[in-house]
Protein backbone atom coordinates (compact mmCIF):
# COMPACT_ATOMS: atom_id res chain seq x y z
CA MET A 1 38.70 -7.37 -4.65
CA ASP A 2 37.54 -9.00 -7.87
CA ALA A 3 37.43 -12.70 -8.69
CA SER A 4 40.72 -12.68 -10.58
CA SER A 5 42.65 -11.09 -7.73
CA ALA A 6 41.68 -13.94 -5.43
CA LEU A 7 43.78 -16.20 -7.61
CA SER A 8 47.01 -14.18 -7.44
CA ASP A 9 50.16 -16.29 -7.31
CA GLU A 10 52.52 -13.55 -6.16
CA ASP A 11 53.29 -15.28 -2.86
CA TYR A 12 54.52 -18.49 -4.46
CA ASP A 13 57.46 -19.74 -6.43
CA VAL A 14 55.70 -20.63 -9.69
CA ILE A 15 57.91 -19.66 -12.62
CA SER A 16 56.26 -17.14 -14.91
CA ASN A 17 55.69 -18.12 -18.49
CA PRO A 18 57.27 -15.55 -20.83
CA GLY A 19 55.10 -16.79 -23.65
CA GLN A 20 51.90 -16.47 -21.67
CA ARG A 21 48.82 -16.59 -23.83
CA SER A 22 45.78 -14.40 -23.50
CA LEU A 23 42.87 -15.36 -21.30
CA GLU A 24 40.64 -15.62 -24.36
CA SER A 25 42.94 -18.08 -26.16
CA SER A 26 43.32 -20.17 -23.02
CA ILE A 27 39.55 -20.39 -22.58
CA ALA A 28 39.12 -21.33 -26.25
CA ASP A 29 41.19 -24.50 -25.70
CA PHE A 30 38.51 -25.87 -23.40
CA GLY A 31 35.86 -25.80 -26.11
CA HIS A 32 36.53 -29.25 -27.59
CA ILE A 33 36.28 -31.06 -24.25
CA ALA A 34 32.92 -32.32 -23.06
CA ALA A 35 32.31 -30.48 -19.78
CA GLN A 36 31.01 -32.27 -16.70
CA THR A 37 27.54 -31.33 -15.56
CA VAL A 38 27.28 -30.31 -11.91
CA ARG A 39 24.12 -28.60 -10.76
CA GLU A 40 25.03 -25.62 -8.64
CA ILE A 41 22.86 -23.09 -6.84
CA PRO A 42 24.08 -19.56 -7.62
CA PRO A 43 25.54 -17.54 -4.72
CA THR A 44 23.34 -15.01 -2.99
CA GLU A 45 23.81 -11.34 -3.67
CA ALA A 46 25.17 -10.94 -0.14
CA ALA A 47 27.81 -13.63 -0.83
CA ARG A 48 28.80 -11.95 -4.09
CA GLU A 49 29.29 -8.65 -2.28
CA ALA A 50 31.18 -10.09 0.69
CA LEU A 51 33.26 -12.81 -1.00
CA SER A 52 35.00 -12.35 -4.35
CA THR A 53 35.65 -16.10 -4.51
CA ALA A 54 31.89 -16.79 -4.55
CA SER A 55 31.75 -15.45 -8.12
CA LEU A 56 34.51 -17.65 -9.54
CA SER A 57 33.23 -19.53 -12.59
CA SER A 58 34.47 -22.93 -13.76
CA THR A 59 36.32 -21.12 -16.57
CA ASP A 60 38.02 -18.83 -14.03
CA ILE A 61 39.15 -21.85 -12.04
CA GLN A 62 40.34 -23.87 -15.04
CA THR A 63 42.26 -20.95 -16.49
CA TRP A 64 43.99 -20.40 -13.15
CA VAL A 65 44.86 -24.09 -12.73
CA ARG A 66 46.20 -24.23 -16.27
CA SER A 67 48.43 -21.21 -15.62
CA VAL A 68 49.88 -22.88 -12.52
CA ILE A 69 50.53 -26.20 -14.24
CA ASP A 70 51.81 -24.81 -17.55
CA SER A 71 53.99 -22.17 -15.90
CA ALA A 72 55.85 -24.95 -14.08
CA ASN A 73 56.47 -26.71 -17.41
CA GLY A 74 60.10 -25.62 -17.59
CA ARG A 75 60.93 -27.24 -14.27
CA ASN A 76 59.12 -30.55 -14.30
CA GLY A 77 57.38 -31.11 -17.63
CA GLY A 78 53.89 -30.48 -16.27
CA SER A 79 51.25 -29.70 -18.87
CA TYR A 80 47.54 -29.00 -18.51
CA PRO A 81 45.68 -31.98 -20.05
CA LEU A 82 43.58 -30.99 -23.05
CA ASP A 83 42.29 -34.42 -24.03
CA HIS A 84 38.87 -35.90 -23.21
CA ARG A 85 39.96 -38.01 -20.28
CA THR A 86 38.66 -37.63 -16.76
CA VAL A 87 41.39 -36.29 -14.47
CA ARG A 88 41.71 -37.90 -11.05
CA VAL A 89 42.21 -35.15 -8.48
CA TYR A 90 43.00 -35.77 -4.82
CA LEU A 91 42.50 -33.46 -1.85
CA ASP A 92 43.00 -34.34 1.81
CA GLY A 93 42.42 -32.90 5.25
CA VAL A 94 40.92 -33.30 8.70
CA PHE A 95 37.63 -31.56 7.74
CA ASP A 96 36.59 -30.89 11.32
CA VAL A 97 34.34 -29.06 11.18
CA LEU A 98 33.34 -28.34 7.59
CA THR A 99 33.48 -24.63 6.75
CA ALA A 100 32.79 -22.38 3.76
CA GLY A 101 36.55 -22.44 3.16
CA HIS A 102 36.48 -26.23 2.83
CA MET A 103 33.58 -26.02 0.40
CA LEU A 104 35.45 -23.50 -1.74
CA GLN A 105 38.49 -25.78 -1.84
CA LEU A 106 36.37 -28.79 -2.84
CA ARG A 107 34.59 -26.78 -5.54
CA GLN A 108 37.84 -25.58 -7.06
CA ALA A 109 39.28 -29.10 -7.04
CA LYS A 110 36.19 -30.50 -8.76
CA LEU A 111 36.11 -27.76 -11.40
CA ALA A 112 39.87 -27.62 -12.00
CA PHE A 113 39.53 -29.55 -15.29
CA PRO A 114 36.58 -30.04 -17.66
CA SER A 115 36.10 -33.58 -16.33
CA VAL A 116 37.22 -34.51 -12.82
CA HIS A 117 36.88 -37.49 -10.52
CA LEU A 118 37.45 -35.90 -7.10
CA MET A 119 38.84 -38.11 -4.35
CA VAL A 120 38.87 -36.68 -0.84
CA GLY A 121 41.14 -38.16 1.78
CA VAL A 122 40.03 -37.90 5.40
CA PHE A 123 42.71 -38.36 8.04
CA PRO A 124 41.91 -41.08 10.60
CA ASP A 125 41.57 -40.08 14.26
CA GLU A 126 44.86 -41.73 15.24
CA TYR A 127 46.84 -39.74 12.64
CA CYS A 128 45.26 -36.50 13.83
CA GLN A 129 46.10 -37.22 17.46
CA GLN A 130 49.68 -38.23 16.60
CA HIS A 131 50.18 -34.85 14.96
CA GLY A 132 48.60 -32.69 17.63
CA THR A 133 45.04 -32.41 16.33
CA ARG A 134 42.02 -33.70 18.24
CA PRO A 135 38.94 -33.74 15.97
CA THR A 136 35.57 -32.80 17.39
CA PHE A 137 33.85 -35.42 15.24
CA PRO A 138 35.05 -39.04 14.83
CA HIS A 139 36.53 -40.21 11.55
CA VAL A 140 33.41 -42.05 10.41
CA GLU A 141 31.26 -38.93 10.80
CA ARG A 142 33.76 -36.69 9.02
CA CYS A 143 33.73 -39.14 6.10
CA GLU A 144 29.93 -39.17 6.08
CA LEU A 145 29.74 -35.37 6.00
CA LEU A 146 31.93 -35.26 2.91
CA ARG A 147 30.10 -38.12 1.25
CA HIS A 148 27.05 -35.88 0.98
CA CYS A 149 28.92 -33.00 -0.66
CA ARG A 150 27.95 -32.45 -4.31
CA TRP A 151 31.58 -32.01 -5.42
CA VAL A 152 32.93 -35.27 -3.99
CA ASP A 153 33.07 -38.44 -6.11
CA GLU A 154 34.99 -40.72 -3.78
CA ILE A 155 35.96 -40.79 -0.11
CA VAL A 156 39.43 -42.07 0.75
CA PRO A 157 39.17 -43.06 4.44
CA ASP A 158 42.73 -44.41 4.59
CA ALA A 159 44.36 -41.05 3.80
CA VAL A 160 48.08 -40.92 4.59
CA TRP A 161 49.60 -37.98 6.46
CA THR A 162 52.52 -37.69 4.04
CA LEU A 163 51.87 -38.36 0.36
CA THR A 164 54.17 -40.96 -1.22
CA ASP A 165 54.71 -42.41 -4.69
CA ALA A 166 53.15 -45.66 -3.50
CA PHE A 167 49.96 -43.92 -2.37
CA LEU A 168 49.71 -41.77 -5.50
CA GLY A 169 50.13 -44.85 -7.69
CA ALA A 170 47.71 -47.03 -5.75
CA LYS A 171 44.97 -44.40 -5.97
CA ARG A 172 45.86 -43.51 -9.60
CA ILE A 173 46.07 -39.82 -8.71
CA ASP A 174 46.83 -37.35 -11.52
CA TYR A 175 46.91 -34.12 -9.50
CA VAL A 176 46.68 -33.06 -5.87
CA ALA A 177 44.86 -29.86 -4.89
CA LEU A 178 46.87 -28.06 -2.23
CA GLU A 179 45.64 -25.55 0.29
CA GLU A 180 46.74 -22.05 -0.69
CA GLY A 181 49.48 -20.74 1.55
CA SER A 182 50.45 -24.12 2.98
CA SER A 183 54.02 -23.86 1.71
CA VAL A 184 54.61 -20.49 3.40
CA ASN A 185 52.58 -20.99 6.58
CA PRO A 186 54.99 -21.57 9.51
CA GLU A 187 52.22 -23.32 11.44
CA PHE A 188 51.53 -25.87 8.71
CA ASP A 189 52.61 -29.42 9.59
CA LYS A 190 56.17 -29.99 8.35
CA THR A 191 55.65 -33.72 7.83
CA ARG A 192 52.79 -33.10 5.41
CA LEU A 193 54.89 -30.48 3.64
CA LYS A 194 57.51 -33.11 2.78
CA GLY A 195 54.92 -34.88 0.65
CA TYR A 196 53.89 -31.60 -0.95
CA ASP A 197 57.49 -30.76 -1.85
CA HIS A 198 57.69 -34.10 -3.66
CA LEU A 199 54.50 -33.28 -5.58
CA LYS A 200 56.00 -30.01 -6.78
CA LYS A 201 58.99 -31.85 -8.22
CA LEU A 202 56.62 -34.17 -10.08
CA GLY A 203 54.39 -31.34 -11.31
CA MET A 204 51.33 -33.09 -9.85
CA PHE A 205 49.78 -30.22 -7.93
CA PHE A 206 47.82 -27.00 -8.14
CA ARG A 207 46.74 -24.52 -5.48
CA CYS A 208 43.24 -23.55 -4.46
CA ALA A 209 42.38 -19.97 -3.58
CA THR A 210 41.27 -19.27 -0.03
CA LEU A 211 38.00 -17.70 0.96
CA SER A 212 38.14 -13.97 0.41
């Protein structure tokens, strides 16, 4: 599997764009925006061979995110931002324990736009227990683990289980990075999905590829 196939959207309900532009023209649009500088150690050769997602470049990720946002334009007016502003992206989860899959999700969220302020919400212990999850590590330690991740700009310790307009407005969130497959996974928490369904109507979301 190559890097592009890891970003297939065949399993989701994103409307295709009949006027889809070429990859080259999409990439060219990023040229006038000052890119953020994030030092990143290249993947090992073993990782490249075993995981197609390890080779995804920032351009791969941004082109994918743009296709998701722009292809939904007919339904909700979403449009990939091409100005110089920093986009505030939010991602949440239990993060217990941190895995390579979590790191991939964080990396994609941080590199989704040329300039991103990545906020990561960490669910408090009481929320996890109320919804049938018992974390191995306490909330304070899960927050500390993420604080030391290179991709994270801000920890949101008071993450809500279901995203609401009030929360999105208070945190000044532009887009939410969703876990790939969450909308079709029968085991995914239905209460959280209610908030995600609202995001789709607003056009404030994009999906992150899973480790593969």
